[in-house]
Amino acid sequence: MLRVYPQLLDLVQSVTPLIRQLELHDSDLARQCKRALSSVPLNIAEGGYSRGGNRKVRYHTALGSLREALACFEVATAFGHLPPLQPQLRREFDQIIGALVRVTLR
């Protein structure tokens, strides 16, 4: 299991109120964000018990899903549904994305 897994769960918990707020304005975007965000820890957990190329594929999928979730928040901000992410939340996204990039490049 990757060391960022607990940090990722904390991030999911931190952005959950934002997803609930987004649901009030755009239920489709909120649903997509929730699916993408759910996919990240699930793929990391699966990757932790996979072998060889499958492990890298799971981590790569987690990376794509995390970037998709971040894009959902960026789009919600562009539509005026949510304020920009707080700098600390953005840093957490960037740190986890960076860790996943490093793992997928090995």
Protein backbone atom coordinates (compact mmCIF):
# COMPACT_ATOMS: atom_id res chain seq x y z
CA MET A 1 0.00 0.00 0.00
CA LEU A 2 1.32 3.45 -0.84
CA ARG A 3 2.20 5.75 2.04
CA VAL A 4 -0.10 8.45 0.63
CA TYR A 5 -3.17 6.27 1.22
CA PRO A 6 -4.02 7.73 4.67
CA GLN A 7 -3.37 11.26 3.34
CA LEU A 8 -5.70 10.49 0.43
CA LEU A 9 -8.49 9.37 2.77
CA ASP A 10 -8.06 12.60 4.73
CA LEU A 11 -8.32 14.55 1.48
CA VAL A 12 -11.51 12.71 0.52
CA GLN A 13 -12.97 13.57 3.91
CA SER A 14 -11.90 17.21 3.57
CA VAL A 15 -13.53 17.73 0.17
CA THR A 16 -16.76 15.88 0.95
CA PRO A 17 -18.51 19.09 2.14
CA LEU A 18 -17.51 20.73 -1.16
CA ILE A 19 -19.08 17.87 -3.11
CA ARG A 20 -22.27 18.28 -1.09
CA GLN A 21 -22.26 21.99 -1.89
CA LEU A 22 -21.66 21.23 -5.56
CA GLU A 23 -24.67 18.86 -5.56
CA LEU A 24 -26.89 21.87 -4.90
CA HIS A 25 -25.75 23.47 -8.17
CA ASP A 26 -24.77 20.63 -10.51
CA SER A 27 -25.70 17.11 -9.45
CA ASP A 28 -24.08 15.54 -12.55
CA LEU A 29 -20.71 17.17 -11.92
CA ALA A 30 -20.92 16.30 -8.21
CA ARG A 31 -21.67 12.66 -9.07
CA GLN A 32 -18.74 12.52 -11.50
CA CYS A 33 -16.45 14.08 -8.91
CA LYS A 34 -17.56 11.58 -6.29
CA ARG A 35 -16.99 8.63 -8.64
CA ALA A 36 -13.55 9.88 -9.63
CA LEU A 37 -12.57 10.55 -6.03
CA SER A 38 -13.83 7.12 -4.93
CA SER A 39 -11.80 5.45 -7.65
CA VAL A 40 -8.48 6.74 -6.32
CA PRO A 41 -8.22 4.89 -2.98
CA LEU A 42 -9.89 1.81 -4.48
CA ASN A 43 -7.29 1.58 -7.25
CA ILE A 44 -4.42 2.29 -4.86
CA ALA A 45 -5.66 -0.48 -2.56
CA GLU A 46 -5.99 -2.88 -5.48
CA GLY A 47 -2.58 -1.89 -6.82
CA GLY A 48 -0.99 -2.59 -3.47
CA TYR A 49 -1.88 -6.24 -3.87
CA SER A 50 -1.25 -6.55 -7.60
CA ARG A 51 1.93 -7.75 -9.27
CA GLY A 52 4.08 -6.51 -12.09
CA GLY A 53 2.43 -4.41 -14.76
CA ASN A 54 -0.99 -4.66 -13.14
CA ARG A 55 0.27 -2.70 -10.14
CA LYS A 56 1.46 0.13 -12.36
CA VAL A 57 -1.83 0.14 -14.29
CA ARG A 58 -3.85 0.45 -11.05
CA TYR A 59 -1.67 3.33 -9.84
CA HIS A 60 -1.91 5.01 -13.24
CA THR A 61 -5.71 4.72 -13.10
CA ALA A 62 -5.67 6.21 -9.60
CA LEU A 63 -3.58 9.10 -10.91
CA GLY A 64 -6.01 9.77 -13.75
CA SER A 65 -8.98 9.65 -11.41
CA LEU A 66 -7.38 12.02 -8.92
CA ARG A 67 -6.60 14.49 -11.69
CA GLU A 68 -10.20 14.13 -12.89
CA ALA A 69 -11.52 14.89 -9.39
CA LEU A 70 -9.31 17.98 -9.21
CA ALA A 71 -10.60 19.06 -12.63
CA CYS A 72 -14.18 18.71 -11.32
CA PHE A 73 -13.40 21.26 -8.61
CA GLU A 74 -11.71 23.52 -11.15
CA VAL A 75 -14.73 23.32 -13.47
CA ALA A 76 -17.11 23.94 -10.56
CA THR A 77 -15.11 27.07 -9.75
CA ALA A 78 -15.16 28.18 -13.40
CA PHE A 79 -18.97 27.81 -13.42
CA GLY A 80 -19.19 29.83 -10.21
CA HIS A 81 -20.59 26.92 -8.19
CA LEU A 82 -17.67 26.74 -5.74
CA PRO A 83 -14.86 29.04 -4.65
CA PRO A 84 -11.32 28.00 -5.59
CA LEU A 85 -9.89 25.21 -3.48
CA GLN A 86 -8.15 26.40 -0.34
CA PRO A 87 -4.36 26.43 -0.86
CA GLN A 88 -3.83 23.61 1.64
CA LEU A 89 -6.31 21.34 -0.16
CA ARG A 90 -4.68 22.15 -3.49
CA ARG A 91 -1.26 21.28 -2.02
CA GLU A 92 -2.63 17.95 -0.81
CA PHE A 93 -3.96 17.16 -4.27
CA ASP A 94 -0.60 18.13 -5.79
CA GLN A 95 1.39 16.05 -3.28
CA ILE A 96 -0.64 12.92 -3.90
CA ILE A 97 -0.59 13.47 -7.67
CA GLY A 98 3.21 13.85 -7.45
CA ALA A 99 3.54 10.61 -5.49
CA LEU A 100 1.42 8.75 -8.04
CA VAL A 101 3.41 10.20 -10.94
CA ARG A 102 6.65 8.98 -9.31
CA VAL A 103 5.22 5.49 -8.80
CA THR A 104 3.94 5.21 -12.36
CA LEU A 105 7.26 6.33 -13.86
CA ARG A 106 9.27 3.57 -12.17
